[in-house]
Amino acid sequence: MNWSHVALNCASVPVTEEFYTRWFGFERANAFVLGNVQIVFIRLGEAYLELFGPADGSPRPPGGPALPSADGPQQRGTARHIAFQTDDVDAVLARMGDAARVTLGPLDFAEYIEGWRSVWLTDPDGVVVEVSQGYKDGAGT
């Protein structure tokens, strides 16, 4: 198992991407639209941020309760989930057994990147954790 990324909810993906690229040296690693949500991966060395835009393309208002989502809270300014990369999502789920409290998936994203699959589960405190296999940079940049 390897560290993968932290996913951030953004009022504006371009504004957040520019902030991290300009001031911290991140570079775009991937970008695509999943359903109606813009997603951009940026990286600095081996560290990734996954930037999520609002589902309808408009900025989210600040404050208020987090919107429910199986892959983590969607409130602007919050971490959506933490993520780890593995060679085999199914093997991880089998090894975890009942400890894998799955909230979403496993889902196949081969339409975007061949071999990419992810599952989301919660840790004992309710933090959403993504376990993914097959992600590669550059497919949608």
Protein backbone atom coordinates (compact mmCIF):
# COMPACT_ATOMS: atom_id res chain seq x y z
CA MET A 1 0.00 0.00 0.00
CA ASN A 2 1.28 3.47 -0.89
CA TRP A 3 0.10 6.98 -0.05
CA SER A 4 -1.87 8.44 -2.96
CA HIS A 5 -3.54 11.83 -2.37
CA VAL A 6 -5.80 14.16 -0.43
CA ALA A 7 -8.95 15.26 -2.22
CA LEU A 8 -10.06 18.88 -1.71
CA ASN A 9 -13.45 20.44 -2.39
CA CYS A 10 -13.01 23.71 -4.27
CA ALA A 11 -15.30 26.63 -5.00
CA SER A 12 -13.29 27.07 -8.23
CA VAL A 13 -10.88 24.38 -9.43
CA PRO A 14 -8.91 26.82 -11.67
CA VAL A 15 -8.41 29.26 -8.79
CA THR A 16 -7.32 26.51 -6.37
CA GLU A 17 -5.07 24.90 -9.00
CA GLU A 18 -3.39 28.24 -9.73
CA PHE A 19 -2.81 28.84 -6.01
CA TYR A 20 -1.04 25.51 -5.46
CA THR A 21 0.91 25.63 -8.73
CA ARG A 22 2.01 29.25 -8.32
CA TRP A 23 2.87 29.29 -4.65
CA PHE A 24 3.83 25.69 -3.86
CA GLY A 25 5.21 24.34 -7.15
CA PHE A 26 2.54 21.75 -7.94
CA GLU A 27 2.06 20.78 -11.61
CA ARG A 28 -1.01 19.42 -13.37
CA ALA A 29 -0.88 15.64 -13.59
CA ASN A 30 -4.37 14.89 -14.95
CA ALA A 31 -7.76 16.48 -15.58
CA PHE A 32 -11.18 15.29 -16.70
CA VAL A 33 -14.90 15.66 -16.11
CA LEU A 34 -16.54 12.78 -14.26
CA GLY A 35 -20.30 13.01 -14.70
CA ASN A 36 -20.81 16.73 -14.16
CA VAL A 37 -17.85 17.29 -11.81
CA GLN A 38 -14.52 18.75 -12.90
CA ILE A 39 -11.58 16.87 -11.35
CA VAL A 40 -7.93 17.92 -11.59
CA PHE A 41 -4.96 16.05 -10.11
CA ILE A 42 -1.90 18.16 -9.32
CA ARG A 43 1.37 16.82 -7.97
CA LEU A 44 4.52 17.94 -6.24
CA GLY A 45 7.02 15.08 -6.35
CA GLU A 46 5.07 12.10 -5.06
CA ALA A 47 2.42 14.23 -3.29
CA TYR A 48 -0.93 14.64 -5.06
CA LEU A 49 -3.95 16.84 -4.49
CA GLU A 50 -7.21 15.86 -6.20
CA LEU A 51 -9.28 19.00 -6.76
CA PHE A 52 -13.07 18.60 -6.98
CA GLY A 53 -15.20 21.35 -8.48
CA PRO A 54 -18.86 21.90 -7.61
CA ALA A 55 -21.16 19.37 -9.27
CA ASP A 56 -23.13 22.00 -11.19
CA GLY A 57 -20.08 24.07 -12.13
CA SER A 58 -21.04 27.01 -9.91
CA PRO A 59 -19.18 27.99 -6.74
CA ARG A 60 -20.41 26.42 -3.50
CA PRO A 61 -21.49 28.87 -0.84
CA PRO A 62 -19.26 28.94 2.24
CA GLY A 63 -20.46 27.44 5.51
CA GLY A 64 -23.46 25.23 6.05
CA PRO A 65 -23.46 21.49 6.58
CA ALA A 66 -21.39 19.16 4.42
CA LEU A 67 -23.41 17.59 1.66
CA PRO A 68 -23.69 13.82 2.04
CA SER A 69 -21.56 11.80 -0.33
CA ALA A 70 -20.26 8.25 -0.32
CA ASP A 71 -16.77 9.47 -1.29
CA GLY A 72 -16.60 12.08 1.48
CA PRO A 73 -18.10 15.42 2.52
CA GLN A 74 -18.54 17.98 -0.25
CA GLN A 75 -18.45 21.23 1.73
CA ARG A 76 -16.07 23.78 0.22
CA GLY A 77 -12.84 24.12 2.15
CA THR A 78 -12.89 20.59 3.55
CA ALA A 79 -10.91 17.50 2.76
CA ARG A 80 -13.15 15.11 0.86
CA HIS A 81 -11.13 11.96 1.54
CA ILE A 82 -7.63 10.56 1.94
CA ALA A 83 -6.44 7.97 -0.56
CA PHE A 84 -4.05 5.09 -0.93
CA GLN A 85 -2.84 3.29 -4.04
CA THR A 86 -2.59 -0.51 -4.24
CA ASP A 87 -2.01 -3.12 -6.92
CA ASP A 88 -5.31 -4.92 -6.22
CA VAL A 89 -8.41 -3.32 -4.70
CA ASP A 90 -10.21 -6.67 -4.43
CA ALA A 91 -7.31 -8.23 -2.49
CA VAL A 92 -7.34 -5.31 -0.03
CA LEU A 93 -11.08 -5.71 0.53
CA ALA A 94 -10.69 -9.47 1.01
CA ARG A 95 -7.85 -8.95 3.50
CA MET A 96 -9.87 -6.36 5.46
CA GLY A 97 -13.02 -8.49 5.58
CA ASP A 98 -15.69 -6.96 7.84
CA ALA A 99 -13.35 -4.08 8.74
CA ALA A 100 -13.91 -2.69 5.21
CA ARG A 101 -17.00 -0.55 5.76
CA VAL A 102 -17.55 0.24 2.08
CA THR A 103 -19.48 3.42 1.28
CA LEU A 104 -19.04 3.35 -2.52
CA GLY A 105 -17.76 0.92 -5.11
CA PRO A 106 -15.62 -0.65 -6.17
CA LEU A 107 -16.07 1.49 -9.28
CA ASP A 108 -14.32 1.11 -12.64
CA PHE A 109 -12.90 4.25 -14.28
CA ALA A 110 -11.37 2.52 -17.32
CA GLU A 111 -13.21 5.05 -19.52
CA TYR A 112 -10.72 7.62 -18.22
CA ILE A 113 -7.63 5.52 -17.44
CA GLU A 114 -7.26 1.84 -18.36
CA GLY A 115 -7.18 -0.32 -15.23
CA TRP A 116 -8.24 2.43 -12.81
CA ARG A 117 -10.59 1.16 -10.06
CA SER A 118 -11.47 2.63 -6.67
CA VAL A 119 -13.42 1.79 -3.56
CA TRP A 120 -14.32 4.11 -0.68
CA LEU A 121 -14.69 3.02 2.93
CA THR A 122 -14.68 4.65 6.33
CA ASP A 123 -12.13 4.42 9.08
CA PRO A 124 -13.27 3.85 12.70
CA ASP A 125 -13.89 7.60 13.13
CA GLY A 126 -15.89 8.02 9.92
CA VAL A 127 -13.11 9.53 7.77
CA VAL A 128 -13.59 8.45 4.16
CA VAL A 129 -10.62 6.52 2.76
CA GLU A 130 -10.25 5.77 -0.96
CA VAL A 131 -8.31 2.70 -2.05
CA SER A 132 -7.42 2.82 -5.73
CA GLN A 133 -5.55 0.78 -8.30
CA GLY A 134 -4.26 1.64 -11.75
CA TYR A 135 -4.23 5.46 -11.65
CA LYS A 136 -1.71 6.99 -14.08
CA ASP A 137 -0.83 10.62 -14.77
CA GLY A 138 -1.51 12.29 -18.08
CA ALA A 139 -4.61 10.63 -19.43
CA GLY A 140 -6.76 13.77 -19.36
CA THR A 141 -4.27 16.65 -19.09
